[in-house]
Protein backbone atom coordinates (compact mmCIF):
# COMPACT_ATOMS: atom_id res chain seq x y z
CA MET A 1 21.13 -2.63 5.89
CA GLU A 2 20.29 -6.06 4.53
CA LEU A 3 16.99 -6.88 2.84
CA THR A 4 15.70 -8.92 5.79
CA GLY A 5 16.13 -5.90 8.06
CA LEU A 6 14.23 -3.70 5.62
CA ARG A 7 11.35 -6.17 5.52
CA ARG A 8 11.18 -6.24 9.29
CA ILE A 9 11.15 -2.43 9.42
CA ALA A 10 8.35 -2.34 6.81
CA ARG A 11 6.24 -4.76 8.87
CA ILE A 12 6.85 -2.69 12.01
CA VAL A 13 5.87 0.52 10.19
CA VAL A 14 2.65 -1.05 8.85
CA ALA A 15 1.76 -2.36 12.30
CA ALA A 16 2.50 1.02 13.90
CA LEU A 17 0.40 2.84 11.29
CA ALA A 18 -2.50 0.46 11.89
CA LEU A 19 -2.28 0.91 15.65
CA ALA A 20 -2.01 4.69 15.32
CA GLY A 21 -5.16 4.79 13.21
CA VAL A 22 -3.41 5.93 10.04
CA LEU A 23 -4.41 2.61 8.50
CA PRO A 24 -7.97 2.18 9.78
CA ALA A 25 -8.72 -1.50 10.11
CA ALA A 26 -11.87 -3.58 10.22
CA SER A 27 -12.03 -7.30 10.81
CA GLY A 28 -13.89 -9.35 8.25
CA ALA A 29 -15.32 -12.82 8.49
CA ASP A 30 -12.06 -14.26 7.20
CA ASP A 31 -10.01 -12.41 9.86
CA GLU A 32 -7.99 -10.45 7.31
CA THR A 33 -7.20 -6.91 8.37
CA THR A 34 -8.51 -4.38 5.86
CA VAL A 35 -6.56 -1.15 5.44
CA GLN A 36 -7.09 2.06 3.52
CA PHE A 37 -4.65 4.96 3.37
CA SER A 38 -3.38 7.72 1.10
CA ALA A 39 0.16 7.62 -0.22
CA ARG A 40 2.48 8.83 -2.96
CA VAL A 41 3.72 6.46 -5.67
CA SER A 42 7.48 5.85 -5.55
CA TRP A 43 7.57 3.31 -8.40
CA ILE A 44 5.58 0.59 -10.16
CA ALA A 45 7.00 -2.53 -11.80
CA ALA A 46 4.95 -5.51 -13.00
CA ASN A 47 2.54 -6.39 -10.15
CA THR A 48 4.26 -4.39 -7.42
CA MET A 49 3.94 -0.75 -6.45
CA VAL A 50 5.99 0.97 -3.78
CA VAL A 51 4.43 3.98 -2.06
CA SER A 52 5.42 6.33 0.71
CA THR A 53 3.25 7.95 3.35
CA ALA A 54 3.92 10.80 5.72
CA ASP A 55 4.92 8.26 8.37
CA SER A 56 6.87 5.73 6.29
CA PRO A 57 9.53 5.94 3.60
CA ALA A 58 8.30 2.89 1.64
CA LEU A 59 5.50 0.33 1.67
CA SER A 60 5.28 -2.51 -0.86
CA ILE A 61 1.88 -3.02 -2.48
CA ASP A 62 0.95 -6.26 -4.30
CA LEU A 63 -1.23 -5.35 -7.31
CA THR A 64 -2.22 -8.86 -8.45
CA GLN A 65 -5.83 -8.43 -7.22
CA VAL A 66 -6.28 -4.91 -8.67
CA PRO A 67 -7.68 -4.35 -12.17
CA GLN A 68 -4.84 -3.00 -14.31
CA ASP A 69 -6.88 0.01 -15.44
CA GLU A 70 -6.80 1.30 -11.84
CA TYR A 71 -3.02 1.75 -11.88
CA GLN A 72 -1.69 1.56 -15.45
CA ARG A 73 -1.59 5.34 -15.91
CA LEU A 74 -0.06 6.16 -12.54
CA THR A 75 3.32 7.84 -12.55
CA THR A 76 6.00 8.42 -9.96
CA GLY A 77 4.83 11.08 -7.52
CA ALA A 78 1.10 10.51 -8.08
CA TYR A 79 -1.11 10.52 -5.00
CA VAL A 80 -3.35 7.48 -4.48
CA ILE A 81 -5.69 5.85 -1.99
CA VAL A 82 -4.75 2.21 -1.42
CA THR A 83 -7.36 -0.27 -0.15
CA GLY A 84 -6.39 -3.84 0.66
CA THR A 85 -5.39 -6.31 3.34
CA LEU A 86 -2.22 -6.76 5.34
CA GLY A 87 -0.13 -9.56 3.94
CA TRP A 88 2.92 -11.25 5.37
CA ARG A 89 5.46 -8.99 3.64
CA GLN A 90 3.32 -6.40 1.93
CA ILE A 91 -0.13 -4.96 1.52
CA MET A 92 -2.34 -6.99 -0.82
CA ALA A 93 -4.24 -4.26 -2.66
CA THR A 94 -7.82 -4.70 -3.82
CA SER A 95 -8.23 -1.14 -5.11
CA ILE A 96 -6.00 1.77 -6.13
CA GLU A 97 -7.74 5.12 -6.53
CA SER A 98 -5.84 7.97 -8.16
CA LEU A 99 -6.17 11.36 -6.49
CA GLU A 100 -4.70 13.05 -9.57
CA PRO A 101 -7.06 14.77 -12.03
CA GLU A 102 -7.55 12.80 -15.26
CA THR A 103 -6.30 14.50 -18.40
């Protein structure tokens, strides 16, 4: 499957999750759709994190608006709560909360 097809599938999955209530949404004054959901980290590289949920194999998360200390210690397989807004190709995170106990 080509990359364009994967992007389209990711957008469809995000929209379906939002409609199903898995990604609860609230409209703000700027009409951005806010989402919050739990997921498992697949990988992190630079300012991008890919996570999976029970209903989707992979969602791309843009980390440019998240303080680095919120995600710098995360490892593959860690459970997190992602808060952000729906972007054109990915979720623009504003907060990443680890559900793993700190050591």
